[in-house]
Amino acid sequence: MAHEVVVVSGPDRGMVVAIPEGAPLTVGRGDQSGVRLSDQHVSRAHCRLELQPGGFFLSDCGSSFGTFLNGQRVTQSFLRPGDVIRVGDSALTPRVPSTADLPTLAPTPALPAAAAVPVLPA
């Protein structure tokens, strides 16, 4: 599973968008937005999500009504698992791959026990 943002409420509920590494992704209702929402209370370029080495980074793009993180208006912030971003009447949450999503390797046969080496008296 890739790093994604999921729209959890609003007109586009259920939309899932992959976040490319190293390239900011704009959230808004404009034609140039990577996450294009149909929410009329969202600015054309509302906020930006970027996948950085420390995780997701959120920044407001000077939106008309603001970008909210867990109920608090923010201009920029790193995101943690479970955070909720509110833009207009929509809520989004980042989703990161978990170790449960990683492929598992087949077990390898056990190596034979090392033969006991006799200890000679000195």
PDB file of N, CA and C in Angstrom:
ATOM      1  N   MET A   1       0.840  -1.170   0.000  1.00  0.00           N
ATOM      2  CA  MET A   1       0.000   0.000   0.000  1.00  0.00           C
ATOM      3  C   MET A   1       0.891   1.241   0.000  1.00  0.00           C
ATOM      4  N   ALA A   2       0.504   2.236  -0.784  1.00  0.00           N
ATOM      5  CA  ALA A   2       1.264   3.473  -0.882  1.00  0.00           C
ATOM      6  C   ALA A   2       0.773   4.476   0.163  1.00  0.00           C
ATOM      7  N   HIS A   3       1.507   5.559   0.332  1.00  0.00           N
ATOM      8  CA  HIS A   3       1.046   6.661   1.174  1.00  0.00           C
ATOM      9  C   HIS A   3      -0.144   7.289   0.453  1.00  0.00           C
ATOM     10  N   GLU A   4      -1.227   7.529   1.187  1.00  0.00           N
ATOM     11  CA  GLU A   4      -2.447   8.021   0.571  1.00  0.00           C
ATOM     12  C   GLU A   4      -3.110   9.050   1.463  1.00  0.00           C
ATOM     13  N   VAL A   5      -4.042   9.792   0.867  1.00  0.00           N
ATOM     14  CA  VAL A   5      -4.943  10.643   1.622  1.00  0.00           C
ATOM     15  C   VAL A   5      -6.350  10.158   1.285  1.00  0.00           C
ATOM     16  N   VAL A   6      -7.174  10.039   2.333  1.00  0.00           N
ATOM     17  CA  VAL A   6      -8.529   9.524   2.179  1.00  0.00           C
ATOM     18  C   VAL A   6      -9.512  10.622   2.581  1.00  0.00           C
ATOM     19  N   VAL A   7     -10.509  10.871   1.744  1.00  0.00           N
ATOM     20  CA  VAL A   7     -11.563  11.820   2.079  1.00  0.00           C
ATOM     21  C   VAL A   7     -12.584  11.058   2.924  1.00  0.00           C
ATOM     22  N   VAL A   8     -12.699  11.436   4.206  1.00  0.00           N
ATOM     23  CA  VAL A   8     -13.548  10.689   5.134  1.00  0.00           C
ATOM     24  C   VAL A   8     -14.926  11.319   5.333  1.00  0.00           C
ATOM     25  N   SER A   9     -15.108  12.570   4.908  1.00  0.00           N
ATOM     26  CA  SER A   9     -16.440  13.172   4.931  1.00  0.00           C
ATOM     27  C   SER A   9     -16.493  14.296   3.914  1.00  0.00           C
ATOM     28  N   GLY A  10     -17.715  14.646   3.537  1.00  0.00           N
ATOM     29  CA  GLY A  10     -17.909  15.688   2.544  1.00  0.00           C
ATOM     30  C   GLY A  10     -18.419  15.100   1.243  1.00  0.00           C
ATOM     31  N   PRO A  11     -18.606  15.951   0.222  1.00  0.00           N
ATOM     32  CA  PRO A  11     -19.167  15.502  -1.045  1.00  0.00           C
ATOM     33  C   PRO A  11     -18.357  14.402  -1.744  1.00  0.00           C
ATOM     34  N   ASP A  12     -17.065  14.337  -1.483  1.00  0.00           N
ATOM     35  CA  ASP A  12     -16.205  13.353  -2.169  1.00  0.00           C
ATOM     36  C   ASP A  12     -15.810  12.201  -1.253  1.00  0.00           C
ATOM     37  N   ARG A  13     -16.611  11.947  -0.220  1.00  0.00           N
ATOM     38  CA  ARG A  13     -16.316  10.893   0.757  1.00  0.00           C
ATOM     39  C   ARG A  13     -15.977   9.576   0.048  1.00  0.00           C
ATOM     40  N   GLY A  14     -14.894   8.947   0.515  1.00  0.00           N
ATOM     41  CA  GLY A  14     -14.461   7.677  -0.049  1.00  0.00           C
ATOM     42  C   GLY A  14     -13.349   7.814  -1.083  1.00  0.00           C
ATOM     43  N   MET A  15     -13.079   9.031  -1.556  1.00  0.00           N
ATOM     44  CA  MET A  15     -12.001   9.236  -2.516  1.00  0.00           C
ATOM     45  C   MET A  15     -10.661   8.932  -1.844  1.00  0.00           C
ATOM     46  N   VAL A  16      -9.809   8.200  -2.559  1.00  0.00           N
ATOM     47  CA  VAL A  16      -8.475   7.870  -2.060  1.00  0.00           C
ATOM     48  C   VAL A  16      -7.477   8.303  -3.123  1.00  0.00           C
ATOM     49  N   VAL A  17      -6.472   9.074  -2.714  1.00  0.00           N
ATOM     50  CA  VAL A  17      -5.467   9.579  -3.652  1.00  0.00           C
ATOM     51  C   VAL A  17      -4.083   9.223  -3.133  1.00  0.00           C
ATOM     52  N   ALA A  18      -3.259   8.613  -3.993  1.00  0.00           N
ATOM     53  CA  ALA A  18      -1.871   8.296  -3.637  1.00  0.00           C
ATOM     54  C   ALA A  18      -1.056   9.584  -3.575  1.00  0.00           C
ATOM     55  N   ILE A  19      -0.159   9.661  -2.601  1.00  0.00           N
ATOM     56  CA  ILE A  19       0.702  10.831  -2.440  1.00  0.00           C
ATOM     57  C   ILE A  19       2.083  10.486  -2.992  1.00  0.00           C
ATOM     58  N   PRO A  20       2.521  11.184  -4.042  1.00  0.00           N
ATOM     59  CA  PRO A  20       3.847  10.907  -4.593  1.00  0.00           C
ATOM     60  C   PRO A  20       4.940  11.397  -3.649  1.00  0.00           C
ATOM     61  N   GLU A  21       6.017  10.661  -3.579  1.00  0.00           N
ATOM     62  CA  GLU A  21       7.122  11.042  -2.702  1.00  0.00           C
ATOM     63  C   GLU A  21       7.904  12.192  -3.323  1.00  0.00           C
ATOM     64  N   GLY A  22       8.165  13.232  -2.522  1.00  0.00           N
ATOM     65  CA  GLY A  22       9.011  14.338  -2.949  1.00  0.00           C
ATOM     66  C   GLY A  22       8.328  15.394  -3.794  1.00  0.00           C
ATOM     67  N   ALA A  23       7.045  15.221  -4.112  1.00  0.00           N
ATOM     68  CA  ALA A  23       6.339  16.222  -4.909  1.00  0.00           C
ATOM     69  C   ALA A  23       5.098  16.673  -4.142  1.00  0.00           C
ATOM     70  N   PRO A  24       4.954  17.972  -3.869  1.00  0.00           N
ATOM     71  CA  PRO A  24       3.774  18.432  -3.143  1.00  0.00           C
ATOM     72  C   PRO A  24       2.504  18.179  -3.949  1.00  0.00           C
ATOM     73  N   LEU A  25       1.425  17.882  -3.252  1.00  0.00           N
ATOM     74  CA  LEU A  25       0.141  17.618  -3.882  1.00  0.00           C
ATOM     75  C   LEU A  25      -0.847  18.641  -3.336  1.00  0.00           C
ATOM     76  N   THR A  26      -1.436  19.430  -4.221  1.00  0.00           N
ATOM     77  CA  THR A  26      -2.374  20.464  -3.812  1.00  0.00           C
ATOM     78  C   THR A  26      -3.769  19.877  -3.655  1.00  0.00           C
ATOM     79  N   VAL A  27      -4.436  20.270  -2.570  1.00  0.00           N
ATOM     80  CA  VAL A  27      -5.826  19.898  -2.316  1.00  0.00           C
ATOM     81  C   VAL A  27      -6.659  21.141  -2.590  1.00  0.00           C
ATOM     82  N   GLY A  28      -7.685  21.018  -3.434  1.00  0.00           N
ATOM     83  CA  GLY A  28      -8.545  22.153  -3.739  1.00  0.00           C
ATOM     84  C   GLY A  28      -9.608  21.767  -4.743  1.00  0.00           C
ATOM     85  N   ARG A  29     -10.352  22.760  -5.214  1.00  0.00           N
ATOM     86  CA  ARG A  29     -11.378  22.471  -6.216  1.00  0.00           C
ATOM     87  C   ARG A  29     -10.983  22.947  -7.612  1.00  0.00           C
ATOM     88  N   GLY A  30      -9.777  23.500  -7.733  1.00  0.00           N
ATOM     89  CA  GLY A  30      -9.308  23.981  -9.029  1.00  0.00           C
ATOM     90  C   GLY A  30      -8.824  22.859  -9.937  1.00  0.00           C
ATOM     91  N   ASP A  31      -8.748  23.153 -11.215  1.00  0.00           N
ATOM     92  CA  ASP A  31      -8.323  22.174 -12.222  1.00  0.00           C
ATOM     93  C   ASP A  31      -6.903  21.678 -12.000  1.00  0.00           C
ATOM     94  N   GLN A  32      -6.059  22.467 -11.375  1.00  0.00           N
ATOM     95  CA  GLN A  32      -4.664  22.100 -11.187  1.00  0.00           C
ATOM     96  C   GLN A  32      -4.407  21.314  -9.900  1.00  0.00           C
ATOM     97  N   SER A  33      -5.449  21.063  -9.118  1.00  0.00           N
ATOM     98  CA  SER A  33      -5.278  20.366  -7.847  1.00  0.00           C
ATOM     99  C   SER A  33      -5.090  18.876  -8.060  1.00  0.00           C
ATOM    100  N   GLY A  34      -4.138  18.303  -7.312  1.00  0.00           N
ATOM    101  CA  GLY A  34      -3.904  16.861  -7.373  1.00  0.00           C
ATOM    102  C   GLY A  34      -5.001  16.084  -6.673  1.00  0.00           C
ATOM    103  N   VAL A  35      -5.555  16.680  -5.601  1.00  0.00           N
ATOM    104  CA  VAL A  35      -6.727  16.131  -4.918  1.00  0.00           C
ATOM    105  C   VAL A  35      -7.838  17.143  -5.193  1.00  0.00           C
ATOM    106  N   ARG A  36      -8.630  16.862  -6.220  1.00  0.00           N
ATOM    107  CA  ARG A  36      -9.658  17.811  -6.652  1.00  0.00           C
ATOM    108  C   ARG A  36     -10.983  17.470  -5.983  1.00  0.00           C
ATOM    109  N   LEU A  37     -11.446  18.397  -5.136  1.00  0.00           N
ATOM    110  CA  LEU A  37     -12.684  18.208  -4.398  1.00  0.00           C
ATOM    111  C   LEU A  37     -13.810  19.012  -5.035  1.00  0.00           C
ATOM    112  N   SER A  38     -15.033  18.498  -4.927  1.00  0.00           N
ATOM    113  CA  SER A  38     -16.192  19.217  -5.463  1.00  0.00           C
ATOM    114  C   SER A  38     -16.875  20.068  -4.400  1.00  0.00           C
ATOM    115  N   ASP A  39     -16.287  20.171  -3.234  1.00  0.00           N
ATOM    116  CA  ASP A  39     -16.795  20.951  -2.108  1.00  0.00           C
ATOM    117  C   ASP A  39     -16.675  22.441  -2.452  1.00  0.00           C
ATOM    118  N   GLN A  40     -17.809  23.139  -2.505  1.00  0.00           N
ATOM    119  CA  GLN A  40     -17.806  24.557  -2.877  1.00  0.00           C
ATOM    120  C   GLN A  40     -17.193  25.469  -1.821  1.00  0.00           C
ATOM    121  N   HIS A  41     -16.965  24.959  -0.611  1.00  0.00           N
ATOM    122  CA  HIS A  41     -16.341  25.761   0.444  1.00  0.00           C
ATOM    123  C   HIS A  41     -14.825  25.572   0.497  1.00  0.00           C
ATOM    124  N   VAL A  42     -14.296  24.874  -0.479  1.00  0.00           N
ATOM    125  CA  VAL A  42     -12.854  24.650  -0.590  1.00  0.00           C
ATOM    126  C   VAL A  42     -12.313  25.619  -1.638  1.00  0.00           C
ATOM    127  N   SER A  43     -11.205  26.265  -1.342  1.00  0.00           N
ATOM    128  CA  SER A  43     -10.566  27.175  -2.301  1.00  0.00           C
ATOM    129  C   SER A  43     -10.014  26.393  -3.483  1.00  0.00           C
ATOM    130  N   ARG A  44      -9.744  27.085  -4.572  1.00  0.00           N
ATOM    131  CA  ARG A  44      -9.188  26.419  -5.764  1.00  0.00           C
ATOM    132  C   ARG A  44      -7.877  25.707  -5.428  1.00  0.00           C
ATOM    133  N   ALA A  45      -7.035  26.379  -4.671  1.00  0.00           N
ATOM    134  CA  ALA A  45      -5.802  25.772  -4.133  1.00  0.00           C
ATOM    135  C   ALA A  45      -5.874  25.994  -2.629  1.00  0.00           C
ATOM    136  N   HIS A  46      -6.393  25.028  -1.914  1.00  0.00           N
ATOM    137  CA  HIS A  46      -6.689  25.209  -0.490  1.00  0.00           C
ATOM    138  C   HIS A  46      -5.479  24.931   0.407  1.00  0.00           C
ATOM    139  N   CYS A  47      -4.910  23.742   0.248  1.00  0.00           N
ATOM    140  CA  CYS A  47      -3.742  23.383   1.054  1.00  0.00           C
ATOM    141  C   CYS A  47      -2.857  22.439   0.255  1.00  0.00           C
ATOM    142  N   ARG A  48      -1.708  22.135   0.823  1.00  0.00           N
ATOM    143  CA  ARG A  48      -0.728  21.286   0.130  1.00  0.00           C
ATOM    144  C   ARG A  48      -0.273  20.193   1.089  1.00  0.00           C
ATOM    145  N   LEU A  49      -0.184  18.983   0.556  1.00  0.00           N
ATOM    146  CA  LEU A  49       0.358  17.843   1.299  1.00  0.00           C
ATOM    147  C   LEU A  49       1.649  17.421   0.629  1.00  0.00           C
ATOM    148  N   GLU A  50       2.659  17.144   1.439  1.00  0.00           N
ATOM    149  CA  GLU A  50       3.933  16.693   0.882  1.00  0.00           C
ATOM    150  C   GLU A  50       4.464  15.567   1.754  1.00  0.00           C
ATOM    151  N   LEU A  51       4.932  14.535   1.095  1.00  0.00           N
ATOM    152  CA  LEU A  51       5.530  13.412   1.803  1.00  0.00           C
ATOM    153  C   LEU A  51       7.014  13.708   1.963  1.00  0.00           C
ATOM    154  N   GLN A  52       7.434  13.892   3.211  1.00  0.00           N
ATOM    155  CA  GLN A  52       8.827  14.196   3.521  1.00  0.00           C
ATOM    156  C   GLN A  52       9.387  13.058   4.367  1.00  0.00           C
ATOM    157  N   PRO A  53      10.710  13.019   4.569  1.00  0.00           N
ATOM    158  CA  PRO A  53      11.293  11.936   5.365  1.00  0.00           C
ATOM    159  C   PRO A  53      10.652  11.769   6.751  1.00  0.00           C
ATOM    160  N   GLY A  54      10.190  12.835   7.383  1.00  0.00           N
ATOM    161  CA  GLY A  54       9.561  12.731   8.697  1.00  0.00           C
ATOM    162  C   GLY A  54       8.088  12.368   8.641  1.00  0.00           C
ATOM    163  N   GLY A  55       7.511  12.236   7.463  1.00  0.00           N
ATOM    164  CA  GLY A  55       6.090  11.926   7.305  1.00  0.00           C
ATOM    165  C   GLY A  55       5.397  12.971   6.456  1.00  0.00           C
ATOM    166  N   PHE A  56       4.088  13.060   6.598  1.00  0.00           N
ATOM    167  CA  PHE A  56       3.304  14.031   5.839  1.00  0.00           C
ATOM    168  C   PHE A  56       3.501  15.426   6.409  1.00  0.00           C
ATOM    169  N   PHE A  57       3.598  16.406   5.514  1.00  0.00           N
ATOM    170  CA  PHE A  57       3.673  17.804   5.913  1.00  0.00           C
ATOM    171  C   PHE A  57       2.508  18.527   5.259  1.00  0.00           C
ATOM    172  N   LEU A  58       1.749  19.276   6.044  1.00  0.00           N
ATOM    173  CA  LEU A  58       0.573  20.008   5.589  1.00  0.00           C
ATOM    174  C   LEU A  58       0.858  21.492   5.631  1.00  0.00           C
ATOM    175  N   SER A  59       0.470  22.216   4.583  1.00  0.00           N
ATOM    176  CA  SER A  59       0.590  23.673   4.602  1.00  0.00           C
ATOM    177  C   SER A  59      -0.622  24.286   3.905  1.00  0.00           C
ATOM    178  N   ASP A  60      -1.136  25.357   4.484  1.00  0.00           N
ATOM    179  CA  ASP A  60      -2.263  26.084   3.907  1.00  0.00           C
ATOM    180  C   ASP A  60      -1.752  26.920   2.746  1.00  0.00           C
ATOM    181  N   CYS A  61      -2.558  27.066   1.714  1.00  0.00           N
ATOM    182  CA  CYS A  61      -2.152  27.837   0.529  1.00  0.00           C
ATOM    183  C   CYS A  61      -2.813  29.217   0.499  1.00  0.00           C
ATOM    184  N   GLY A  62      -3.126  29.771   1.675  1.00  0.00           N
ATOM    185  CA  GLY A  62      -3.793  31.069   1.716  1.00  0.00           C
ATOM    186  C   GLY A  62      -5.277  30.927   1.410  1.00  0.00           C
ATOM    187  N   SER A  63      -5.867  29.830   1.838  1.00  0.00           N
ATOM    188  CA  SER A  63      -7.278  29.544   1.555  1.00  0.00           C
ATOM    189  C   SER A  63      -8.196  30.581   2.191  1.00  0.00           C
ATOM    190  N   SER A  64      -9.376  30.719   1.631  1.00  0.00           N
ATOM    191  CA  SER A  64     -10.344  31.702   2.122  1.00  0.00           C
ATOM    192  C   SER A  64     -10.852  31.389   3.526  1.00  0.00           C
ATOM    193  N   PHE A  65     -11.136  30.106   3.802  1.00  0.00           N
ATOM    194  CA  PHE A  65     -11.747  29.732   5.079  1.00  0.00           C
ATOM    195  C   PHE A  65     -10.796  29.015   6.015  1.00  0.00           C
ATOM    196  N   GLY A  66      -9.566  28.781   5.600  1.00  0.00           N
ATOM    197  CA  GLY A  66      -8.576  28.168   6.463  1.00  0.00           C
ATOM    198  C   GLY A  66      -8.515  26.650   6.362  1.00  0.00           C
ATOM    199  N   THR A  67      -7.403  26.124   6.862  1.00  0.00           N
ATOM    200  CA  THR A  67      -7.163  24.685   6.930  1.00  0.00           C
ATOM    201  C   THR A  67      -7.084  24.333   8.410  1.00  0.00           C
ATOM    202  N   PHE A  68      -7.808  23.306   8.803  1.00  0.00           N
ATOM    203  CA  PHE A  68      -7.887  22.922  10.211  1.00  0.00           C
ATOM    204  C   PHE A  68      -7.322  21.527  10.404  1.00  0.00           C
ATOM    205  N   LEU A  69      -6.545  21.374  11.444  1.00  0.00           N
ATOM    206  CA  LEU A  69      -5.959  20.086  11.800  1.00  0.00           C
ATOM    207  C   LEU A  69      -6.455  19.732  13.192  1.00  0.00           C
ATOM    208  N   ASN A  70      -7.241  18.665  13.271  1.00  0.00           N
ATOM    209  CA  ASN A  70      -7.827  18.230  14.544  1.00  0.00           C
ATOM    210  C   ASN A  70      -8.554  19.372  15.252  1.00  0.00           C
ATOM    211  N   GLY A  71      -9.271  20.196  14.472  1.00  0.00           N
ATOM    212  CA  GLY A  71     -10.081  21.270  15.028  1.00  0.00           C
ATOM    213  C   GLY A  71      -9.368  22.593  15.224  1.00  0.00           C
ATOM    214  N   GLN A  72      -8.059  22.644  15.008  1.00  0.00           N
ATOM    215  CA  GLN A  72      -7.287  23.878  15.194  1.00  0.00           C
ATOM    216  C   GLN A  72      -6.832  24.413  13.834  1.00  0.00           C
ATOM    217  N   ARG A  73      -7.019  25.704  13.624  1.00  0.00           N
ATOM    218  CA  ARG A  73      -6.562  26.306  12.365  1.00  0.00           C
ATOM    219  C   ARG A  73      -5.037  26.292  12.331  1.00  0.00           C
ATOM    220  N   VAL A  74      -4.475  25.872  11.199  1.00  0.00           N
ATOM    221  CA  VAL A  74      -3.021  25.802  11.054  1.00  0.00           C
ATOM    222  C   VAL A  74      -2.593  26.426   9.728  1.00  0.00           C
ATOM    223  N   THR A  75      -1.350  26.885   9.703  1.00  0.00           N
ATOM    224  CA  THR A  75      -0.763  27.323   8.436  1.00  0.00           C
ATOM    225  C   THR A  75       0.167  26.242   7.906  1.00  0.00           C
ATOM    226  N   GLN A  76       0.809  25.504   8.829  1.00  0.00           N
ATOM    227  CA  GLN A  76       1.625  24.358   8.440  1.00  0.00           C
ATOM    228  C   GLN A  76       1.881  23.471   9.648  1.00  0.00           C
ATOM    229  N   SER A  77       2.024  22.169   9.359  1.00  0.00           N
ATOM    230  CA  SER A  77       2.229  21.219  10.449  1.00  0.00           C
ATOM    231  C   SER A  77       2.601  19.855   9.878  1.00  0.00           C
ATOM    232  N   PHE A  78       3.389  19.108  10.653  1.00  0.00           N
ATOM    233  CA  PHE A  78       3.588  17.696  10.330  1.00  0.00           C
ATOM    234  C   PHE A  78       2.359  16.947  10.808  1.00  0.00           C
ATOM    235  N   LEU A  79       2.003  15.879  10.136  1.00  0.00           N
ATOM    236  CA  LEU A  79       0.835  15.095  10.492  1.00  0.00           C
ATOM    237  C   LEU A  79       1.239  13.812  11.186  1.00  0.00           C
ATOM    238  N   ARG A  80       0.360  13.351  12.078  1.00  0.00           N
ATOM    239  CA  ARG A  80       0.563  12.089  12.784  1.00  0.00           C
ATOM    240  C   ARG A  80      -0.560  11.137  12.397  1.00  0.00           C
ATOM    241  N   PRO A  81      -0.364   9.838  12.593  1.00  0.00           N
ATOM    242  CA  PRO A  81      -1.450   8.892  12.297  1.00  0.00           C
ATOM    243  C   PRO A  81      -2.714   9.273  13.070  1.00  0.00           C
ATOM    244  N   GLY A  82      -3.840   9.228  12.388  1.00  0.00           N
ATOM    245  CA  GLY A  82      -5.113   9.549  13.012  1.00  0.00           C
ATOM    246  C   GLY A  82      -5.518  11.007  12.915  1.00  0.00           C
ATOM    247  N   ASP A  83      -4.614  11.883  12.435  1.00  0.00           N
ATOM    248  CA  ASP A  83      -4.956  13.295  12.292  1.00  0.00           C
ATOM    249  C   ASP A  83      -6.072  13.469  11.263  1.00  0.00           C
ATOM    250  N   VAL A  84      -6.896  14.494  11.478  1.00  0.00           N
ATOM    251  CA  VAL A  84      -7.975  14.810  10.549  1.00  0.00           C
ATOM    252  C   VAL A  84      -7.789  16.240  10.058  1.00  0.00           C
ATOM    253  N   ILE A  85      -7.745  16.391   8.754  1.00  0.00           N
ATOM    254  CA  ILE A  85      -7.598  17.694   8.104  1.00  0.00           C
ATOM    255  C   ILE A  85      -8.992  18.114   7.648  1.00  0.00           C
ATOM    256  N   ARG A  86      -9.428  19.318   8.032  1.00  0.00           N
ATOM    257  CA  ARG A  86     -10.724  19.812   7.574  1.00  0.00           C
ATOM    258  C   ARG A  86     -10.494  20.991   6.647  1.00  0.00           C
ATOM    259  N   VAL A  87     -11.067  20.880   5.445  1.00  0.00           N
ATOM    260  CA  VAL A  87     -11.047  21.949   4.450  1.00  0.00           C
ATOM    261  C   VAL A  87     -12.482  22.105   3.970  1.00  0.00           C
ATOM    262  N   GLY A  88     -13.032  23.295   4.112  1.00  0.00           N
ATOM    263  CA  GLY A  88     -14.434  23.494   3.743  1.00  0.00           C
ATOM    264  C   GLY A  88     -15.320  22.556   4.543  1.00  0.00           C
ATOM    265  N   ASP A  89     -16.204  21.831   3.843  1.00  0.00           N
ATOM    266  CA  ASP A  89     -17.091  20.865   4.484  1.00  0.00           C
ATOM    267  C   ASP A  89     -16.545  19.446   4.372  1.00  0.00           C
ATOM    268  N   SER A  90     -15.288  19.305   4.023  1.00  0.00           N
ATOM    269  CA  SER A  90     -14.671  17.995   3.812  1.00  0.00           C
ATOM    270  C   SER A  90     -13.603  17.716   4.867  1.00  0.00           C
ATOM    271  N   ALA A  91     -13.434  16.441   5.185  1.00  0.00           N
ATOM    272  CA  ALA A  91     -12.384  16.010   6.105  1.00  0.00           C
ATOM    273  C   ALA A  91     -11.553  14.947   5.404  1.00  0.00           C
ATOM    274  N   LEU A  92     -10.240  15.052   5.586  1.00  0.00           N
ATOM    275  CA  LEU A  92      -9.304  14.114   4.977  1.00  0.00           C
ATOM    276  C   LEU A  92      -8.380  13.572   6.053  1.00  0.00           C
ATOM    277  N   THR A  93      -7.865  12.402   5.821  1.00  0.00           N
ATOM    278  CA  THR A  93      -6.889  11.837   6.750  1.00  0.00           C
ATOM    279  C   THR A  93      -5.796  11.139   5.958  1.00  0.00           C
ATOM    280  N   PRO A  94      -4.545  11.285   6.385  1.00  0.00           N
ATOM    281  CA  PRO A  94      -3.459  10.584   5.700  1.00  0.00           C
ATOM    282  C   PRO A  94      -3.461   9.114   6.090  1.00  0.00           C
ATOM    283  N   ARG A  95      -3.044   8.274   5.186  1.00  0.00           N
ATOM    284  CA  ARG A  95      -2.923   6.844   5.470  1.00  0.00           C
ATOM    285  C   ARG A  95      -1.545   6.404   4.995  1.00  0.00           C
ATOM    286  N   VAL A  96      -0.786   5.826   5.901  1.00  0.00           N
ATOM    287  CA  VAL A  96       0.564   5.372   5.590  1.00  0.00           C
ATOM    288  C   VAL A  96       0.596   3.854   5.589  1.00  0.00           C
ATOM    289  N   PRO A  97       1.501   3.281   4.811  1.00  0.00           N
ATOM    290  CA  PRO A  97       1.588   1.824   4.818  1.00  0.00           C
ATOM    291  C   PRO A  97       2.041   1.332   6.182  1.00  0.00           C
ATOM    292  N   SER A  98       1.480   0.238   6.616  1.00  0.00           N
ATOM    293  CA  SER A  98       1.903  -0.338   7.889  1.00  0.00           C
ATOM    294  C   SER A  98       2.771  -1.549   7.613  1.00  0.00           C
ATOM    295  N   THR A  99       3.459  -1.998   8.620  1.00  0.00           N
ATOM    296  CA  THR A  99       4.305  -3.180   8.439  1.00  0.00           C
ATOM    297  C   THR A  99       3.451  -4.409   8.129  1.00  0.00           C
ATOM    298  N   ALA A 100       2.166  -4.379   8.483  1.00  0.00           N
ATOM    299  CA  ALA A 100       1.280  -5.505   8.170  1.00  0.00           C
ATOM    300  C   ALA A 100       1.064  -5.620   6.670  1.00  0.00           C
ATOM    301  N   ASP A 101       1.281  -4.514   5.927  1.00  0.00           N
ATOM    302  CA  ASP A 101       1.091  -4.524   4.485  1.00  0.00           C
ATOM    303  C   ASP A 101       2.332  -4.977   3.724  1.00  0.00           C
ATOM    304  N   LEU A 102       3.439  -5.155   4.419  1.00  0.00           N
ATOM    305  CA  LEU A 102       4.664  -5.566   3.763  1.00  0.00           C
ATOM    306  C   LEU A 102       4.618  -7.062   3.458  1.00  0.00           C
ATOM    307  N   PRO A 103       5.239  -7.482   2.358  1.00  0.00           N
ATOM    308  CA  PRO A 103       5.231  -8.910   2.056  1.00  0.00           C
ATOM    309  C   PRO A 103       6.012  -9.685   3.109  1.00  0.00           C
ATOM    310  N   THR A 104       5.583 -10.909   3.321  1.00  0.00           N
ATOM    311  CA  THR A 104       6.291 -11.752   4.279  1.00  0.00           C
ATOM    312  C   THR A 104       7.136 -12.751   3.514  1.00  0.00           C
ATOM    313  N   LEU A 105       8.227 -13.138   4.111  1.00  0.00           N
ATOM    314  CA  LEU A 105       9.119 -14.117   3.504  1.00  0.00           C
ATOM    315  C   LEU A 105       8.758 -15.501   4.002  1.00  0.00           C
ATOM    316  N   ALA A 106       8.966 -16.478   3.138  1.00  0.00           N
ATOM    317  CA  ALA A 106       8.719 -17.862   3.540  1.00  0.00           C
ATOM    318  C   ALA A 106       9.757 -18.242   4.592  1.00  0.00           C
ATOM    319  N   PRO A 107       9.355 -19.067   5.561  1.00  0.00           N
ATOM    320  CA  PRO A 107      10.332 -19.463   6.582  1.00  0.00           C
ATOM    321  C   PRO A 107      11.440 -20.307   5.962  1.00  0.00           C
ATOM    322  N   THR A 108      12.622 -20.137   6.480  1.00  0.00           N
ATOM    323  CA  THR A 108      13.752 -20.938   5.997  1.00  0.00           C
ATOM    324  C   THR A 108      13.936 -22.127   6.926  1.00  0.00           C
ATOM    325  N   PRO A 109      14.396 -23.246   6.378  1.00  0.00           N
ATOM    326  CA  PRO A 109      14.592 -24.408   7.248  1.00  0.00           C
ATOM    327  C   PRO A 109      15.658 -24.114   8.296  1.00  0.00           C
ATOM    328  N   ALA A 110      15.483 -24.712   9.443  1.00  0.00           N
ATOM    329  CA  ALA A 110      16.435 -24.508  10.536  1.00  0.00           C
ATOM    330  C   ALA A 110      17.773 -25.122  10.165  1.00  0.00           C
ATOM    331  N   LEU A 111      18.815 -24.463  10.600  1.00  0.00           N
ATOM    332  CA  LEU A 111      20.156 -24.992  10.367  1.00  0.00           C
ATOM    333  C   LEU A 111      20.415 -26.124  11.350  1.00  0.00           C
ATOM    334  N   PRO A 112      21.189 -27.127  10.956  1.00  0.00           N
ATOM    335  CA  PRO A 112      21.480 -28.211  11.896  1.00  0.00           C
ATOM    336  C   PRO A 112      22.274 -27.666  13.082  1.00  0.00           C
ATOM    337  N   ALA A 113      22.040 -28.259  14.228  1.00  0.00           N
ATOM    338  CA  ALA A 113      22.750 -27.834  15.434  1.00  0.00           C
ATOM    339  C   ALA A 113      24.236 -28.084  15.246  1.00  0.00           C
ATOM    340  N   ALA A 114      25.038 -27.171  15.750  1.00  0.00           N
ATOM    341  CA  ALA A 114      26.488 -27.329  15.630  1.00  0.00           C
ATOM    342  C   ALA A 114      26.919 -28.554  16.434  1.00  0.00           C
ATOM    343  N   ALA A 115      27.816 -29.319  15.861  1.00  0.00           N
ATOM    344  CA  ALA A 115      28.314 -30.513  16.564  1.00  0.00           C
ATOM    345  C   ALA A 115      29.110 -30.067  17.781  1.00  0.00           C
ATOM    346  N   ALA A 116      28.916 -30.787  18.853  1.00  0.00           N
ATOM    347  CA  ALA A 116      29.640 -30.453  20.081  1.00  0.00           C
ATOM    348  C   ALA A 116      31.102 -30.709  19.880  1.00  0.00           C
ATOM    349  N   VAL A 117      31.920 -29.780  20.262  1.00  0.00           N
ATOM    350  CA  VAL A 117      33.377 -29.932  20.160  1.00  0.00           C
ATOM    351  C   VAL A 117      33.881 -30.289  21.531  1.00  0.00           C
ATOM    352  N   PRO A 118      34.529 -31.451  21.653  1.00  0.00           N
ATOM    353  CA  PRO A 118      35.008 -31.846  22.971  1.00  0.00           C
ATOM    354  C   PRO A 118      36.105 -30.903  23.454  1.00  0.00           C
ATOM    355  N   VAL A 119      36.066 -30.602  24.719  1.00  0.00           N
ATOM    356  CA  VAL A 119      37.068 -29.757  25.320  1.00  0.00           C
ATOM    357  C   VAL A 119      38.098 -30.672  25.956  1.00  0.00           C
ATOM    358  N   LEU A 120      39.320 -30.556  25.510  1.00  0.00           N
ATOM    359  CA  LEU A 120      40.393 -31.404  26.012  1.00  0.00           C
ATOM    360  C   LEU A 120      40.962 -30.794  27.286  1.00  0.00           C
ATOM    361  N   PRO A 121      41.283 -31.652  28.258  1.00  0.00           N
ATOM    362  CA  PRO A 121      41.898 -31.116  29.471  1.00  0.00           C
ATOM    363  C   PRO A 121      43.265 -30.511  29.173  1.00  0.00           C
ATOM    364  N   ALA A 122      43.600 -29.514  29.879  1.00  0.00           N
ATOM    365  CA  ALA A 122      44.860 -28.848  29.645  1.00  0.00           C
ATOM    366  C   ALA A 122      46.001 -29.492  30.348  1.00  0.00           C
TER     367      ALA A 122
END
